[in-house]
């Protein structure tokens, strides 16, 4: 990838070169893609990192952090439900508990976003 202004460019460009190499004094490339700004396209944003890094930049946290938070929330919500049901001397079927915990964790994750 190369970025900048060409000899006759008014706007900066990004050039992606795929499978490029020097063959003696000759520069060989398989595929070239040019992107950039122009009068019609005033801005250009592109990610040049692994998907996980782009997701971290876009969401504000990485997917492994999100998975860890969701897992911990599931455990603690489950303990909370057990504690509340136990203190009320009641019983809650396991599938009802699972639905309650799942919906609560989903609301918490939605709140993060």
C-alpha atoms as a PDB file:
ATOM      1  CA  UNK A   1       0.000   0.000   0.000  1.00  0.00           C
ATOM      2  CA  UNK A   2       1.220   3.438  -0.917  1.00  0.00           C
ATOM      3  CA  UNK A   3      -0.447   6.701   0.037  1.00  0.00           C
ATOM      4  CA  UNK A   4       0.160  10.292  -0.962  1.00  0.00           C
ATOM      5  CA  UNK A   5       0.127  12.617  -3.944  1.00  0.00           C
ATOM      6  CA  UNK A   6       1.194  11.592  -7.425  1.00  0.00           C
ATOM      7  CA  UNK A   7       3.119  13.823  -9.814  1.00  0.00           C
ATOM      8  CA  UNK A   8      -0.082  15.150 -11.369  1.00  0.00           C
ATOM      9  CA  UNK A   9      -2.538  14.573  -8.487  1.00  0.00           C
ATOM     10  CA  UNK A  10      -4.682  17.294  -7.000  1.00  0.00           C
ATOM     11  CA  UNK A  11      -5.958  15.012  -4.223  1.00  0.00           C
ATOM     12  CA  UNK A  12      -4.166  12.313  -2.211  1.00  0.00           C
ATOM     13  CA  UNK A  13      -4.598   8.691  -3.285  1.00  0.00           C
ATOM     14  CA  UNK A  14      -4.160   5.251  -1.781  1.00  0.00           C
ATOM     15  CA  UNK A  15      -2.790   2.565  -4.087  1.00  0.00           C
ATOM     16  CA  UNK A  16      -3.056  -1.094  -3.099  1.00  0.00           C
ATOM     17  CA  UNK A  17      -0.562  -3.355  -4.813  1.00  0.00           C
ATOM     18  CA  UNK A  18      -1.180  -7.079  -4.561  1.00  0.00           C
ATOM     19  CA  UNK A  19       1.689  -9.547  -5.035  1.00  0.00           C
ATOM     20  CA  UNK A  20       4.295  -7.029  -6.137  1.00  0.00           C
ATOM     21  CA  UNK A  21       8.027  -7.571  -6.490  1.00  0.00           C
ATOM     22  CA  UNK A  22      11.116  -6.411  -8.320  1.00  0.00           C
ATOM     23  CA  UNK A  23      12.292  -8.691 -11.101  1.00  0.00           C
ATOM     24  CA  UNK A  24      15.800  -7.469 -11.783  1.00  0.00           C
ATOM     25  CA  UNK A  25      15.205  -3.828 -12.780  1.00  0.00           C
ATOM     26  CA  UNK A  26      11.508  -4.317 -13.526  1.00  0.00           C
ATOM     27  CA  UNK A  27       8.716  -3.782 -10.975  1.00  0.00           C
ATOM     28  CA  UNK A  28       6.041  -6.492 -11.354  1.00  0.00           C
ATOM     29  CA  UNK A  29       2.575  -6.491  -9.809  1.00  0.00           C
ATOM     30  CA  UNK A  30      -0.498  -8.698 -10.147  1.00  0.00           C
ATOM     31  CA  UNK A  31      -3.230  -6.290  -9.184  1.00  0.00           C
ATOM     32  CA  UNK A  32      -3.478  -2.550  -8.554  1.00  0.00           C
ATOM     33  CA  UNK A  33      -6.400  -0.734  -6.902  1.00  0.00           C
ATOM     34  CA  UNK A  34      -6.555   3.048  -6.502  1.00  0.00           C
ATOM     35  CA  UNK A  35      -8.816   4.834  -4.051  1.00  0.00           C
ATOM     36  CA  UNK A  36      -8.950   8.373  -2.759  1.00  0.00           C
ATOM     37  CA  UNK A  37     -10.697  11.676  -2.607  1.00  0.00           C
ATOM     38  CA  UNK A  38     -11.866  13.897  -5.443  1.00  0.00           C
ATOM     39  CA  UNK A  39     -14.231  16.769  -6.067  1.00  0.00           C
ATOM     40  CA  UNK A  40     -17.082  14.221  -6.025  1.00  0.00           C
ATOM     41  CA  UNK A  41     -15.727  12.211  -3.043  1.00  0.00           C
ATOM     42  CA  UNK A  42     -14.673  14.734  -0.350  1.00  0.00           C
ATOM     43  CA  UNK A  43     -13.546  12.137   2.202  1.00  0.00           C
ATOM     44  CA  UNK A  44     -12.227   8.604   2.192  1.00  0.00           C
ATOM     45  CA  UNK A  45     -11.808   6.238   5.149  1.00  0.00           C
ATOM     46  CA  UNK A  46     -10.388   2.756   4.895  1.00  0.00           C
ATOM     47  CA  UNK A  47      -9.086   0.269   7.433  1.00  0.00           C
ATOM     48  CA  UNK A  48      -5.664  -1.269   7.069  1.00  0.00           C
ATOM     49  CA  UNK A  49      -5.559  -3.591  10.032  1.00  0.00           C
ATOM     50  CA  UNK A  50      -6.869  -6.927  11.168  1.00  0.00           C
ATOM     51  CA  UNK A  51     -10.626  -7.131  11.582  1.00  0.00           C
ATOM     52  CA  UNK A  52     -10.309  -7.279  15.358  1.00  0.00           C
ATOM     53  CA  UNK A  53      -8.418  -3.970  15.430  1.00  0.00           C
ATOM     54  CA  UNK A  54     -10.957  -2.268  13.172  1.00  0.00           C
ATOM     55  CA  UNK A  55     -13.777  -3.577  15.402  1.00  0.00           C
ATOM     56  CA  UNK A  56     -11.951  -2.226  18.460  1.00  0.00           C
ATOM     57  CA  UNK A  57     -11.648   1.195  16.848  1.00  0.00           C
ATOM     58  CA  UNK A  58     -15.250   1.159  15.628  1.00  0.00           C
ATOM     59  CA  UNK A  59     -16.885  -0.158  18.837  1.00  0.00           C
ATOM     60  CA  UNK A  60     -14.518   1.280  21.415  1.00  0.00           C
ATOM     61  CA  UNK A  61     -13.553  -2.134  22.798  1.00  0.00           C
ATOM     62  CA  UNK A  62     -12.411  -5.458  21.376  1.00  0.00           C
ATOM     63  CA  UNK A  63     -14.608  -8.495  20.834  1.00  0.00           C
ATOM     64  CA  UNK A  64     -12.715 -10.488  23.474  1.00  0.00           C
ATOM     65  CA  UNK A  65     -13.483  -7.766  26.035  1.00  0.00           C
ATOM     66  CA  UNK A  66     -17.136  -7.843  24.972  1.00  0.00           C
ATOM     67  CA  UNK A  67     -17.223 -11.641  25.317  1.00  0.00           C
ATOM     68  CA  UNK A  68     -15.615 -11.423  28.760  1.00  0.00           C
ATOM     69  CA  UNK A  69     -18.103  -8.792  29.925  1.00  0.00           C
ATOM     70  CA  UNK A  70     -21.040 -10.850  28.587  1.00  0.00           C
ATOM     71  CA  UNK A  71     -19.748 -14.006  30.270  1.00  0.00           C
ATOM     72  CA  UNK A  72     -19.246 -12.265  33.629  1.00  0.00           C
ATOM     73  CA  UNK A  73     -22.646 -10.591  33.361  1.00  0.00           C
ATOM     74  CA  UNK A  74     -24.258 -13.977  32.713  1.00  0.00           C
ATOM     75  CA  UNK A  75     -22.626 -15.496  35.818  1.00  0.00           C
ATOM     76  CA  UNK A  76     -23.488 -12.565  38.093  1.00  0.00           C
ATOM     77  CA  UNK A  77     -27.057 -12.215  36.802  1.00  0.00           C
ATOM     78  CA  UNK A  78     -27.584 -15.925  37.367  1.00  0.00           C
ATOM     79  CA  UNK A  79     -26.312 -15.599  40.954  1.00  0.00           C
ATOM     80  CA  UNK A  80     -28.560 -12.568  41.481  1.00  0.00           C
ATOM     81  CA  UNK A  81     -31.636 -14.452  40.289  1.00  0.00           C
ATOM     82  CA  UNK A  82     -30.752 -17.389  42.551  1.00  0.00           C
ATOM     83  CA  UNK A  83     -30.302 -15.033  45.504  1.00  0.00           C
ATOM     84  CA  UNK A  84     -33.594 -13.221  44.947  1.00  0.00           C
ATOM     85  CA  UNK A  85     -35.550 -16.440  44.429  1.00  0.00           C
ATOM     86  CA  UNK A  86     -33.883 -18.004  47.495  1.00  0.00           C
ATOM     87  CA  UNK A  87     -34.614 -15.017  49.722  1.00  0.00           C
ATOM     88  CA  UNK A  88     -38.275 -15.127  48.686  1.00  0.00           C
ATOM     89  CA  UNK A  89     -38.349 -18.844  49.527  1.00  0.00           C
ATOM     90  CA  UNK A  90     -39.575 -19.564  46.030  1.00  0.00           C
ATOM     91  CA  UNK A  91     -38.597 -21.662  43.084  1.00  0.00           C
ATOM     92  CA  UNK A  92     -38.007 -20.699  39.475  1.00  0.00           C
ATOM     93  CA  UNK A  93     -37.870 -23.255  36.664  1.00  0.00           C
ATOM     94  CA  UNK A  94     -34.425 -23.431  35.053  1.00  0.00           C
ATOM     95  CA  UNK A  95     -35.680 -22.442  31.582  1.00  0.00           C
ATOM     96  CA  UNK A  96     -37.395 -19.339  33.022  1.00  0.00           C
ATOM     97  CA  UNK A  97     -34.193 -18.413  34.830  1.00  0.00           C
ATOM     98  CA  UNK A  98     -32.192 -18.880  31.622  1.00  0.00           C
ATOM     99  CA  UNK A  99     -34.606 -16.644  29.655  1.00  0.00           C
ATOM    100  CA  UNK A 100     -34.485 -13.962  32.349  1.00  0.00           C
ATOM    101  CA  UNK A 101     -30.692 -13.980  32.552  1.00  0.00           C
ATOM    102  CA  UNK A 102     -30.287 -14.042  28.758  1.00  0.00           C
ATOM    103  CA  UNK A 103     -32.622 -11.083  28.191  1.00  0.00           C
ATOM    104  CA  UNK A 104     -30.927  -9.100  30.965  1.00  0.00           C
ATOM    105  CA  UNK A 105     -27.447  -9.734  29.560  1.00  0.00           C
ATOM    106  CA  UNK A 106     -28.617  -8.750  26.059  1.00  0.00           C
ATOM    107  CA  UNK A 107     -30.003  -5.473  27.436  1.00  0.00           C
ATOM    108  CA  UNK A 108     -26.704  -4.822  29.188  1.00  0.00           C
ATOM    109  CA  UNK A 109     -24.733  -5.458  25.973  1.00  0.00           C
ATOM    110  CA  UNK A 110     -27.117  -3.226  24.012  1.00  0.00           C
ATOM    111  CA  UNK A 111     -26.516  -0.551  26.652  1.00  0.00           C
ATOM    112  CA  UNK A 112     -22.778  -0.734  25.995  1.00  0.00           C
ATOM    113  CA  UNK A 113     -23.344   0.137  22.379  1.00  0.00           C
END
